PDB file of N, CA and C in Angstrom:
ATOM      1  N   MET A   1      -6.797  -5.881   2.674  1.00  0.00           N
ATOM      2  CA  MET A   1      -7.463  -7.139   2.907  1.00  0.00           C
ATOM      3  C   MET A   1      -8.618  -7.257   1.909  1.00  0.00           C
ATOM      4  N   ARG A   2      -8.774  -8.468   1.343  1.00  0.00           N
ATOM      5  CA  ARG A   2      -9.827  -8.693   0.352  1.00  0.00           C
ATOM      6  C   ARG A   2     -10.750  -9.812   0.783  1.00  0.00           C
ATOM      7  N   GLU A   3     -12.012  -9.677   0.379  1.00  0.00           N
ATOM      8  CA  GLU A   3     -13.000 -10.720   0.613  1.00  0.00           C
ATOM      9  C   GLU A   3     -13.349 -11.435  -0.692  1.00  0.00           C
ATOM     10  N   LEU A   4     -13.124 -10.782  -1.819  1.00  0.00           N
ATOM     11  CA  LEU A   4     -13.465 -11.327  -3.133  1.00  0.00           C
ATOM     12  C   LEU A   4     -12.204 -11.633  -3.925  1.00  0.00           C
ATOM     13  N   ASP A   5     -12.254 -12.720  -4.690  1.00  0.00           N
ATOM     14  CA  ASP A   5     -11.119 -12.969  -5.583  1.00  0.00           C
ATOM     15  C   ASP A   5     -11.465 -12.459  -6.982  1.00  0.00           C
ATOM     16  N   ASN A   6     -10.461 -12.406  -7.848  1.00  0.00           N
ATOM     17  CA  ASN A   6     -10.660 -11.866  -9.189  1.00  0.00           C
ATOM     18  C   ASN A   6     -11.646 -12.687 -10.012  1.00  0.00           C
ATOM     19  N   VAL A   7     -11.752 -13.983  -9.760  1.00  0.00           N
ATOM     20  CA  VAL A   7     -12.662 -14.836 -10.524  1.00  0.00           C
ATOM     21  C   VAL A   7     -14.101 -14.353 -10.367  1.00  0.00           C
ATOM     22  N   VAL A   8     -14.471 -13.968  -9.166  1.00  0.00           N
ATOM     23  CA  VAL A   8     -15.829 -13.459  -8.926  1.00  0.00           C
ATOM     24  C   VAL A   8     -16.074 -12.217  -9.775  1.00  0.00           C
ATOM     25  N   LEU A   9     -15.121 -11.319  -9.795  1.00  0.00           N
ATOM     26  CA  LEU A   9     -15.281 -10.080 -10.560  1.00  0.00           C
ATOM     27  C   LEU A   9     -15.258 -10.337 -12.060  1.00  0.00           C
ATOM     28  N   GLU A  10     -14.468 -11.299 -12.500  1.00  0.00           N
ATOM     29  CA  GLU A  10     -14.435 -11.650 -13.917  1.00  0.00           C
ATOM     30  C   GLU A  10     -15.772 -12.223 -14.370  1.00  0.00           C
ATOM     31  N   ARG A  11     -16.431 -12.982 -13.503  1.00  0.00           N
ATOM     32  CA  ARG A  11     -17.704 -13.616 -13.840  1.00  0.00           C
ATOM     33  C   ARG A  11     -18.904 -12.701 -13.647  1.00  0.00           C
ATOM     34  N   ALA A  12     -18.715 -11.604 -12.933  1.00  0.00           N
ATOM     35  CA  ALA A  12     -19.826 -10.704 -12.610  1.00  0.00           C
ATOM     36  C   ALA A  12     -20.330  -9.973 -13.849  1.00  0.00           C
ATOM     37  N   ALA A  13     -21.646  -9.941 -13.977  1.00  0.00           N
ATOM     38  CA  ALA A  13     -22.271  -9.187 -15.063  1.00  0.00           C
ATOM     39  C   ALA A  13     -22.416  -7.716 -14.689  1.00  0.00           C
ATOM     40  N   PHE A  14     -22.423  -7.438 -13.385  1.00  0.00           N
ATOM     41  CA  PHE A  14     -22.638  -6.071 -12.921  1.00  0.00           C
ATOM     42  C   PHE A  14     -21.944  -5.912 -11.573  1.00  0.00           C
ATOM     43  N   VAL A  15     -21.215  -4.824 -11.410  1.00  0.00           N
ATOM     44  CA  VAL A  15     -20.515  -4.533 -10.163  1.00  0.00           C
ATOM     45  C   VAL A  15     -20.958  -3.152  -9.688  1.00  0.00           C
ATOM     46  N   CYS A  16     -21.377  -3.080  -8.444  1.00  0.00           N
ATOM     47  CA  CYS A  16     -21.734  -1.772  -7.902  1.00  0.00           C
ATOM     48  C   CYS A  16     -21.263  -1.657  -6.458  1.00  0.00           C
ATOM     49  N   CYS A  17     -21.281  -0.429  -5.981  1.00  0.00           N
ATOM     50  CA  CYS A  17     -20.832  -0.147  -4.622  1.00  0.00           C
ATOM     51  C   CYS A  17     -21.714   0.956  -4.054  1.00  0.00           C
ATOM     52  N   ASP A  18     -21.563   1.230  -2.772  1.00  0.00           N
ATOM     53  CA  ASP A  18     -22.365   2.295  -2.184  1.00  0.00           C
ATOM     54  C   ASP A  18     -21.812   3.673  -2.548  1.00  0.00           C
ATOM     55  N   SER A  19     -20.501   3.794  -2.701  1.00  0.00           N
ATOM     56  CA  SER A  19     -19.885   5.068  -3.062  1.00  0.00           C
ATOM     57  C   SER A  19     -18.600   4.812  -3.837  1.00  0.00           C
ATOM     58  N   LEU A  20     -18.548   5.280  -5.075  1.00  0.00           N
ATOM     59  CA  LEU A  20     -17.321   5.126  -5.875  1.00  0.00           C
ATOM     60  C   LEU A  20     -16.154   5.849  -5.222  1.00  0.00           C
ATOM     61  N   GLU A  21     -16.405   7.030  -4.718  1.00  0.00           N
ATOM     62  CA  GLU A  21     -15.347   7.809  -4.076  1.00  0.00           C
ATOM     63  C   GLU A  21     -14.725   7.028  -2.921  1.00  0.00           C
ATOM     64  N   ASP A  22     -15.572   6.454  -2.066  1.00  0.00           N
ATOM     65  CA  ASP A  22     -15.068   5.668  -0.942  1.00  0.00           C
ATOM     66  C   ASP A  22     -14.401   4.382  -1.416  1.00  0.00           C
ATOM     67  N   ALA A  23     -14.984   3.725  -2.406  1.00  0.00           N
ATOM     68  CA  ALA A  23     -14.425   2.467  -2.915  1.00  0.00           C
ATOM     69  C   ALA A  23     -13.021   2.675  -3.467  1.00  0.00           C
ATOM     70  N   ARG A  24     -12.805   3.788  -4.144  1.00  0.00           N
ATOM     71  CA  ARG A  24     -11.478   4.076  -4.704  1.00  0.00           C
ATOM     72  C   ARG A  24     -10.417   4.286  -3.634  1.00  0.00           C
ATOM     73  N   LEU A  25     -10.861   4.614  -2.433  1.00  0.00           N
ATOM     74  CA  LEU A  25      -9.931   4.850  -1.320  1.00  0.00           C
ATOM     75  C   LEU A  25      -9.815   3.652  -0.383  1.00  0.00           C
ATOM     76  N   GLU A  26     -10.925   2.903  -0.194  1.00  0.00           N
ATOM     77  CA  GLU A  26     -10.983   1.923   0.887  1.00  0.00           C
ATOM     78  C   GLU A  26     -11.173   0.473   0.473  1.00  0.00           C
ATOM     79  N   SER A  27     -11.583   0.215  -0.750  1.00  0.00           N
ATOM     80  CA  SER A  27     -11.982  -1.137  -1.109  1.00  0.00           C
ATOM     81  C   SER A  27     -10.902  -1.896  -1.884  1.00  0.00           C
ATOM     82  N   ALA A  28     -10.113  -2.648  -1.162  1.00  0.00           N
ATOM     83  CA  ALA A  28      -9.084  -3.470  -1.812  1.00  0.00           C
ATOM     84  C   ALA A  28      -9.732  -4.480  -2.761  1.00  0.00           C
ATOM     85  N   ASP A  29     -10.980  -4.885  -2.473  1.00  0.00           N
ATOM     86  CA  ASP A  29     -11.696  -5.817  -3.352  1.00  0.00           C
ATOM     87  C   ASP A  29     -11.877  -5.250  -4.752  1.00  0.00           C
ATOM     88  N   LEU A  30     -11.866  -3.939  -4.887  1.00  0.00           N
ATOM     89  CA  LEU A  30     -11.994  -3.304  -6.197  1.00  0.00           C
ATOM     90  C   LEU A  30     -10.691  -2.635  -6.638  1.00  0.00           C
ATOM     91  N   ILE A  31      -9.968  -2.047  -5.709  1.00  0.00           N
ATOM     92  CA  ILE A  31      -8.726  -1.346  -6.043  1.00  0.00           C
ATOM     93  C   ILE A  31      -7.708  -2.297  -6.683  1.00  0.00           C
ATOM     94  N   GLU A  32      -7.459  -3.419  -6.049  1.00  0.00           N
ATOM     95  CA  GLU A  32      -6.439  -4.347  -6.563  1.00  0.00           C
ATOM     96  C   GLU A  32      -6.794  -4.910  -7.937  1.00  0.00           C
ATOM     97  N   PRO A  33      -8.044  -5.320  -8.189  1.00  0.00           N
ATOM     98  CA  PRO A  33      -8.386  -5.788  -9.535  1.00  0.00           C
ATOM     99  C   PRO A  33      -8.281  -4.690 -10.596  1.00  0.00           C
ATOM    100  N   VAL A  34      -8.585  -3.454 -10.231  1.00  0.00           N
ATOM    101  CA  VAL A  34      -8.428  -2.350 -11.181  1.00  0.00           C
ATOM    102  C   VAL A  34      -6.941  -2.163 -11.490  1.00  0.00           C
ATOM    103  N   GLU A  35      -6.123  -2.153 -10.456  1.00  0.00           N
ATOM    104  CA  GLU A  35      -4.680  -1.986 -10.659  1.00  0.00           C
ATOM    105  C   GLU A  35      -4.089  -3.140 -11.454  1.00  0.00           C
ATOM    106  N   GLY A  36      -4.658  -4.344 -11.307  1.00  0.00           N
ATOM    107  CA  GLY A  36      -4.161  -5.515 -12.024  1.00  0.00           C
ATOM    108  C   GLY A  36      -4.764  -5.705 -13.405  1.00  0.00           C
ATOM    109  N   GLY A  37      -5.723  -4.865 -13.772  1.00  0.00           N
ATOM    110  CA  GLY A  37      -6.313  -4.947 -15.109  1.00  0.00           C
ATOM    111  C   GLY A  37      -7.504  -5.889 -15.232  1.00  0.00           C
ATOM    112  N   THR A  38      -7.951  -6.462 -14.126  1.00  0.00           N
ATOM    113  CA  THR A  38      -9.116  -7.359 -14.153  1.00  0.00           C
ATOM    114  C   THR A  38     -10.410  -6.569 -14.262  1.00  0.00           C
ATOM    115  N   LEU A  39     -10.411  -5.358 -13.742  1.00  0.00           N
ATOM    116  CA  LEU A  39     -11.603  -4.525 -13.649  1.00  0.00           C
ATOM    117  C   LEU A  39     -11.231  -3.097 -14.003  1.00  0.00           C
ATOM    118  N   ASP A  40     -12.204  -2.340 -14.473  1.00  0.00           N
ATOM    119  CA  ASP A  40     -12.007  -0.927 -14.767  1.00  0.00           C
ATOM    120  C   ASP A  40     -13.018  -0.146 -13.926  1.00  0.00           C
ATOM    121  N   TRP A  41     -12.622   1.003 -13.421  1.00  0.00           N
ATOM    122  CA  TRP A  41     -13.556   1.799 -12.609  1.00  0.00           C
ATOM    123  C   TRP A  41     -14.808   2.158 -13.391  1.00  0.00           C
ATOM    124  N   LEU A  42     -14.720   2.217 -14.722  1.00  0.00           N
ATOM    125  CA  LEU A  42     -15.895   2.515 -15.540  1.00  0.00           C
ATOM    126  C   LEU A  42     -16.935   1.399 -15.477  1.00  0.00           C
ATOM    127  N   GLU A  43     -16.525   0.214 -15.023  1.00  0.00           N
ATOM    128  CA  GLU A  43     -17.436  -0.923 -14.889  1.00  0.00           C
ATOM    129  C   GLU A  43     -18.095  -0.991 -13.512  1.00  0.00           C
ATOM    130  N   VAL A  44     -17.694  -0.102 -12.623  1.00  0.00           N
ATOM    131  CA  VAL A  44     -18.228  -0.098 -11.256  1.00  0.00           C
ATOM    132  C   VAL A  44     -19.226   1.042 -11.138  1.00  0.00           C
ATOM    133  N   HIS A  45     -20.434   0.707 -10.693  1.00  0.00           N
ATOM    134  CA  HIS A  45     -21.508   1.693 -10.604  1.00  0.00           C
ATOM    135  C   HIS A  45     -21.941   1.864  -9.153  1.00  0.00           C
ATOM    136  N   GLU A  46     -22.637   2.951  -8.889  1.00  0.00           N
ATOM    137  CA  GLU A  46     -23.135   3.192  -7.544  1.00  0.00           C
ATOM    138  C   GLU A  46     -24.553   2.649  -7.408  1.00  0.00           C
ATOM    139  N   LEU A  47     -24.836   2.080  -6.260  1.00  0.00           N
ATOM    140  CA  LEU A  47     -26.150   1.506  -5.984  1.00  0.00           C
ATOM    141  C   LEU A  47     -27.266   2.517  -6.218  1.00  0.00           C
ATOM    142  N   GLN A  48     -27.020   3.775  -5.899  1.00  0.00           N
ATOM    143  CA  GLN A  48     -28.051   4.799  -6.072  1.00  0.00           C
ATOM    144  C   GLN A  48     -28.501   4.915  -7.528  1.00  0.00           C
ATOM    145  N   GLU A  49     -27.619   4.607  -8.488  1.00  0.00           N
ATOM    146  CA  GLU A  49     -27.990   4.652  -9.899  1.00  0.00           C
ATOM    147  C   GLU A  49     -29.007   3.560 -10.233  1.00  0.00           C
ATOM    148  N   VAL A  50     -28.859   2.422  -9.592  1.00  0.00           N
ATOM    149  CA  VAL A  50     -29.790   1.312  -9.818  1.00  0.00           C
ATOM    150  C   VAL A  50     -31.119   1.615  -9.138  1.00  0.00           C
ATOM    151  N   VAL A  51     -31.057   2.060  -7.899  1.00  0.00           N
ATOM    152  CA  VAL A  51     -32.271   2.359  -7.138  1.00  0.00           C
ATOM    153  C   VAL A  51     -33.083   3.466  -7.811  1.00  0.00           C
ATOM    154  N   ALA A  52     -32.408   4.451  -8.381  1.00  0.00           N
ATOM    155  CA  ALA A  52     -33.081   5.567  -9.052  1.00  0.00           C
ATOM    156  C   ALA A  52     -33.606   5.182 -10.431  1.00  0.00           C
ATOM    157  N   GLY A  53     -33.283   3.965 -10.894  1.00  0.00           N
ATOM    158  CA  GLY A  53     -33.745   3.525 -12.206  1.00  0.00           C
ATOM    159  C   GLY A  53     -32.904   4.031 -13.361  1.00  0.00           C
ATOM    160  N   GLU A  54     -31.753   4.626 -13.061  1.00  0.00           N
ATOM    161  CA  GLU A  54     -30.866   5.128 -14.112  1.00  0.00           C
ATOM    162  C   GLU A  54     -30.123   3.999 -14.812  1.00  0.00           C
ATOM    163  N   LEU A  55     -29.890   2.912 -14.099  1.00  0.00           N
ATOM    164  CA  LEU A  55     -29.193   1.742 -14.634  1.00  0.00           C
ATOM    165  C   LEU A  55     -29.963   0.484 -14.264  1.00  0.00           C
ATOM    166  N   ASP A  56     -29.924  -0.480 -15.155  1.00  0.00           N
ATOM    167  CA  ASP A  56     -30.457  -1.797 -14.820  1.00  0.00           C
ATOM    168  C   ASP A  56     -29.332  -2.585 -14.188  1.00  0.00           C
ATOM    169  N   GLY A  57     -29.612  -3.272 -13.117  1.00  0.00           N
ATOM    170  CA  GLY A  57     -28.612  -4.130 -12.499  1.00  0.00           C
ATOM    171  C   GLY A  57     -28.621  -5.485 -13.185  1.00  0.00           C
ATOM    172  N   ARG A  58     -29.437  -6.360 -12.695  1.00  0.00           N
ATOM    173  CA  ARG A  58     -29.540  -7.719 -13.228  1.00  0.00           C
ATOM    174  C   ARG A  58     -30.290  -7.703 -14.564  1.00  0.00           C
ATOM    175  N   GLN A  59     -29.683  -8.299 -15.579  1.00  0.00           N
ATOM    176  CA  GLN A  59     -30.306  -8.406 -16.895  1.00  0.00           C
ATOM    177  C   GLN A  59     -31.006  -9.751 -17.078  1.00  0.00           C
ATOM    178  N   SER A  60     -30.484 -10.776 -16.397  1.00  0.00           N
ATOM    179  CA  SER A  60     -31.101 -12.103 -16.481  1.00  0.00           C
ATOM    180  C   SER A  60     -30.922 -12.827 -15.155  1.00  0.00           C
ATOM    181  N   ASP A  61     -31.692 -13.886 -14.963  1.00  0.00           N
ATOM    182  CA  ASP A  61     -31.625 -14.648 -13.718  1.00  0.00           C
ATOM    183  C   ASP A  61     -30.254 -15.284 -13.495  1.00  0.00           C
ATOM    184  N   ASP A  62     -29.499 -15.468 -14.559  1.00  0.00           N
ATOM    185  CA  ASP A  62     -28.183 -16.108 -14.454  1.00  0.00           C
ATOM    186  C   ASP A  62     -27.060 -15.126 -14.139  1.00  0.00           C
ATOM    187  N   ASP A  63     -27.344 -13.849 -14.179  1.00  0.00           N
ATOM    188  CA  ASP A  63     -26.306 -12.848 -13.929  1.00  0.00           C
ATOM    189  C   ASP A  63     -25.769 -12.944 -12.503  1.00  0.00           C
ATOM    190  N   ILE A  64     -24.476 -12.753 -12.402  1.00  0.00           N
ATOM    191  CA  ILE A  64     -23.830 -12.628 -11.094  1.00  0.00           C
ATOM    192  C   ILE A  64     -23.640 -11.134 -10.853  1.00  0.00           C
ATOM    193  N   ILE A  65     -24.184 -10.681  -9.735  1.00  0.00           N
ATOM    194  CA  ILE A  65     -24.110  -9.268  -9.374  1.00  0.00           C
ATOM    195  C   ILE A  65     -23.230  -9.143  -8.134  1.00  0.00           C
ATOM    196  N   VAL A  66     -22.299  -8.209  -8.167  1.00  0.00           N
ATOM    197  CA  VAL A  66     -21.441  -7.956  -7.006  1.00  0.00           C
ATOM    198  C   VAL A  66     -21.785  -6.578  -6.458  1.00  0.00           C
ATOM    199  N   PHE A  67     -22.113  -6.543  -5.172  1.00  0.00           N
ATOM    200  CA  PHE A  67     -22.303  -5.272  -4.474  1.00  0.00           C
ATOM    201  C   PHE A  67     -21.246  -5.186  -3.389  1.00  0.00           C
ATOM    202  N   LYS A  68     -20.383  -4.223  -3.501  1.00  0.00           N
ATOM    203  CA  LYS A  68     -19.334  -4.014  -2.508  1.00  0.00           C
ATOM    204  C   LYS A  68     -19.720  -2.836  -1.631  1.00  0.00           C
ATOM    205  N   SER A  69     -20.017  -3.138  -0.382  1.00  0.00           N
ATOM    206  CA  SER A  69     -20.390  -2.093   0.566  1.00  0.00           C
ATOM    207  C   SER A  69     -19.222  -1.793   1.481  1.00  0.00           C
ATOM    208  N   ASN A  70     -18.873  -0.534   1.564  1.00  0.00           N
ATOM    209  CA  ASN A  70     -17.877  -0.098   2.528  1.00  0.00           C
ATOM    210  C   ASN A  70     -18.553   0.501   3.746  1.00  0.00           C
ATOM    211  N   GLY A  71     -19.843   0.723   3.636  1.00  0.00           N
ATOM    212  CA  GLY A  71     -20.605   1.306   4.735  1.00  0.00           C
ATOM    213  C   GLY A  71     -20.437   2.811   4.770  1.00  0.00           C
ATOM    214  N   ILE A  72     -21.543   3.504   4.772  1.00  0.00           N
ATOM    215  CA  ILE A  72     -21.514   4.960   4.859  1.00  0.00           C
ATOM    216  C   ILE A  72     -22.238   5.332   6.145  1.00  0.00           C
ATOM    217  N   ALA A  73     -21.500   5.849   7.089  1.00  0.00           N
ATOM    218  CA  ALA A  73     -22.042   6.126   8.423  1.00  0.00           C
ATOM    219  C   ALA A  73     -23.260   7.039   8.370  1.00  0.00           C
ATOM    220  N   ALA A  74     -23.264   8.007   7.473  1.00  0.00           N
ATOM    221  CA  ALA A  74     -24.404   8.929   7.388  1.00  0.00           C
ATOM    222  C   ALA A  74     -25.681   8.174   7.033  1.00  0.00           C
ATOM    223  N   TRP A  75     -25.560   7.142   6.179  1.00  0.00           N
ATOM    224  CA  TRP A  75     -26.738   6.342   5.823  1.00  0.00           C
ATOM    225  C   TRP A  75     -27.235   5.580   7.045  1.00  0.00           C
ATOM    226  N   ASP A  76     -26.310   5.063   7.855  1.00  0.00           N
ATOM    227  CA  ASP A  76     -26.691   4.341   9.074  1.00  0.00           C
ATOM    228  C   ASP A  76     -27.451   5.257  10.027  1.00  0.00           C
ATOM    229  N   VAL A  77     -26.954   6.474  10.189  1.00  0.00           N
ATOM    230  CA  VAL A  77     -27.605   7.438  11.068  1.00  0.00           C
ATOM    231  C   VAL A  77     -28.985   7.801  10.519  1.00  0.00           C
ATOM    232  N   ALA A  78     -29.077   7.998   9.209  1.00  0.00           N
ATOM    233  CA  ALA A  78     -30.357   8.370   8.593  1.00  0.00           C
ATOM    234  C   ALA A  78     -31.403   7.280   8.781  1.00  0.00           C
ATOM    235  N   ILE A  79     -31.034   6.029   8.529  1.00  0.00           N
ATOM    236  CA  ILE A  79     -32.009   4.942   8.681  1.00  0.00           C
ATOM    237  C   ILE A  79     -32.361   4.741  10.153  1.00  0.00           C
ATOM    238  N   GLY A  80     -31.411   4.966  11.029  1.00  0.00           N
ATOM    239  CA  GLY A  80     -31.689   4.880  12.458  1.00  0.00           C
ATOM    240  C   GLY A  80     -32.713   5.925  12.891  1.00  0.00           C
ATOM    241  N   ALA A  81     -32.592   7.139  12.366  1.00  0.00           N
ATOM    242  CA  ALA A  81     -33.539   8.205  12.688  1.00  0.00           C
ATOM    243  C   ALA A  81     -34.936   7.869  12.182  1.00  0.00           C
ATOM    244  N   VAL A  82     -35.019   7.311  10.981  1.00  0.00           N
ATOM    245  CA  VAL A  82     -36.319   6.913  10.423  1.00  0.00           C
ATOM    246  C   VAL A  82     -36.938   5.801  11.264  1.00  0.00           C
ATOM    247  N   ALA A  83     -36.131   4.805  11.636  1.00  0.00           N
ATOM    248  CA  ALA A  83     -36.636   3.691  12.448  1.00  0.00           C
ATOM    249  C   ALA A  83     -37.130   4.202  13.806  1.00  0.00           C
ATOM    250  N   LEU A  84     -36.393   5.115  14.421  1.00  0.00           N
ATOM    251  CA  LEU A  84     -36.788   5.670  15.706  1.00  0.00           C
ATOM    252  C   LEU A  84     -38.105   6.443  15.588  1.00  0.00           C
ATOM    253  N   GLU A  85     -38.222   7.237  14.558  1.00  0.00           N
ATOM    254  CA  GLU A  85     -39.452   8.006  14.341  1.00  0.00           C
ATOM    255  C   GLU A  85     -40.658   7.083  14.165  1.00  0.00           C
ATOM    256  N   LYS A  86     -40.501   6.039  13.369  1.00  0.00           N
ATOM    257  CA  LYS A  86     -41.602   5.095  13.148  1.00  0.00           C
ATOM    258  C   LYS A  86     -41.958   4.351  14.432  1.00  0.00           C
ATOM    259  N   ALA A  87     -40.964   3.971  15.199  1.00  0.00           N
ATOM    260  CA  ALA A  87     -41.221   3.277  16.468  1.00  0.00           C
ATOM    261  C   ALA A  87     -41.977   4.187  17.431  1.00  0.00           C
ATOM    262  N   ARG A  88     -41.597   5.443  17.487  1.00  0.00           N
ATOM    263  CA  ARG A  88     -42.292   6.384  18.376  1.00  0.00           C
ATOM    264  C   ARG A  88     -43.739   6.576  17.950  1.00  0.00           C
ATOM    265  N   LYS A  89     -43.987   6.682  16.648  1.00  0.00           N
ATOM    266  CA  LYS A  89     -45.352   6.842  16.140  1.00  0.00           C
ATOM    267  C   LYS A  89     -46.218   5.633  16.480  1.00  0.00           C
ATOM    268  N   LYS A  90     -45.612   4.451  16.422  1.00  0.00           N
ATOM    269  CA  LYS A  90     -46.346   3.207  16.716  1.00  0.00           C
ATOM    270  C   LYS A  90     -46.359   2.891  18.206  1.00  0.00           C
ATOM    271  N   ARG A  91     -45.614   3.686  18.962  1.00  0.00           N
ATOM    272  CA  ARG A  91     -45.474   3.478  20.401  1.00  0.00           C
ATOM    273  C   ARG A  91     -44.976   2.064  20.729  1.00  0.00           C
ATOM    274  N   VAL A  92     -43.916   1.677  20.014  1.00  0.00           N
ATOM    275  CA  VAL A  92     -43.280   0.373  20.275  1.00  0.00           C
ATOM    276  C   VAL A  92     -41.849   0.598  20.746  1.00  0.00           C
ATOM    277  N   GLY A  93     -41.294  -0.444  21.325  1.00  0.00           N
ATOM    278  CA  GLY A  93     -39.939  -0.346  21.851  1.00  0.00           C
ATOM    279  C   GLY A  93     -39.962   0.176  23.264  1.00  0.00           C
ATOM    280  N   ARG A  94     -38.787   0.374  23.812  1.00  0.00           N
ATOM    281  CA  ARG A  94     -38.735   0.943  25.155  1.00  0.00           C
ATOM    282  C   ARG A  94     -37.589   1.919  25.255  1.00  0.00           C
ATOM    283  N   ARG A  95     -37.791   2.896  26.044  1.00  0.00           N
ATOM    284  CA  ARG A  95     -36.808   3.962  26.237  1.00  0.00           C
ATOM    285  C   ARG A  95     -35.691   3.442  27.140  1.00  0.00           C
ATOM    286  N   LEU A  96     -34.471   3.682  26.751  1.00  0.00           N
ATOM    287  CA  LEU A  96     -33.316   3.264  27.561  1.00  0.00           C
ATOM    288  C   LEU A  96     -32.663   4.459  28.208  1.00  0.00           C
TER     289      LEU A  96
END
């Protein structure tokens, strides 16, 4: 199942995902265009490279950037733990 058509990827100045390994297995939005020759895996970068400053994402205000998230459960758990810790420190929320 796909959410993006090839036109979006053809027009994109930058394509990234949360995990290349996962995208190669789970993301039809990227797998099918690669198999069809619209996209190359070498053109797909990981978000962590941008966040770490290793790669520039957007080069100009007109750039179309595609971020394909497949969701990484470990990241969800990690951010949940941080949010819980901060809430406890601030003494907000309620215990269920």
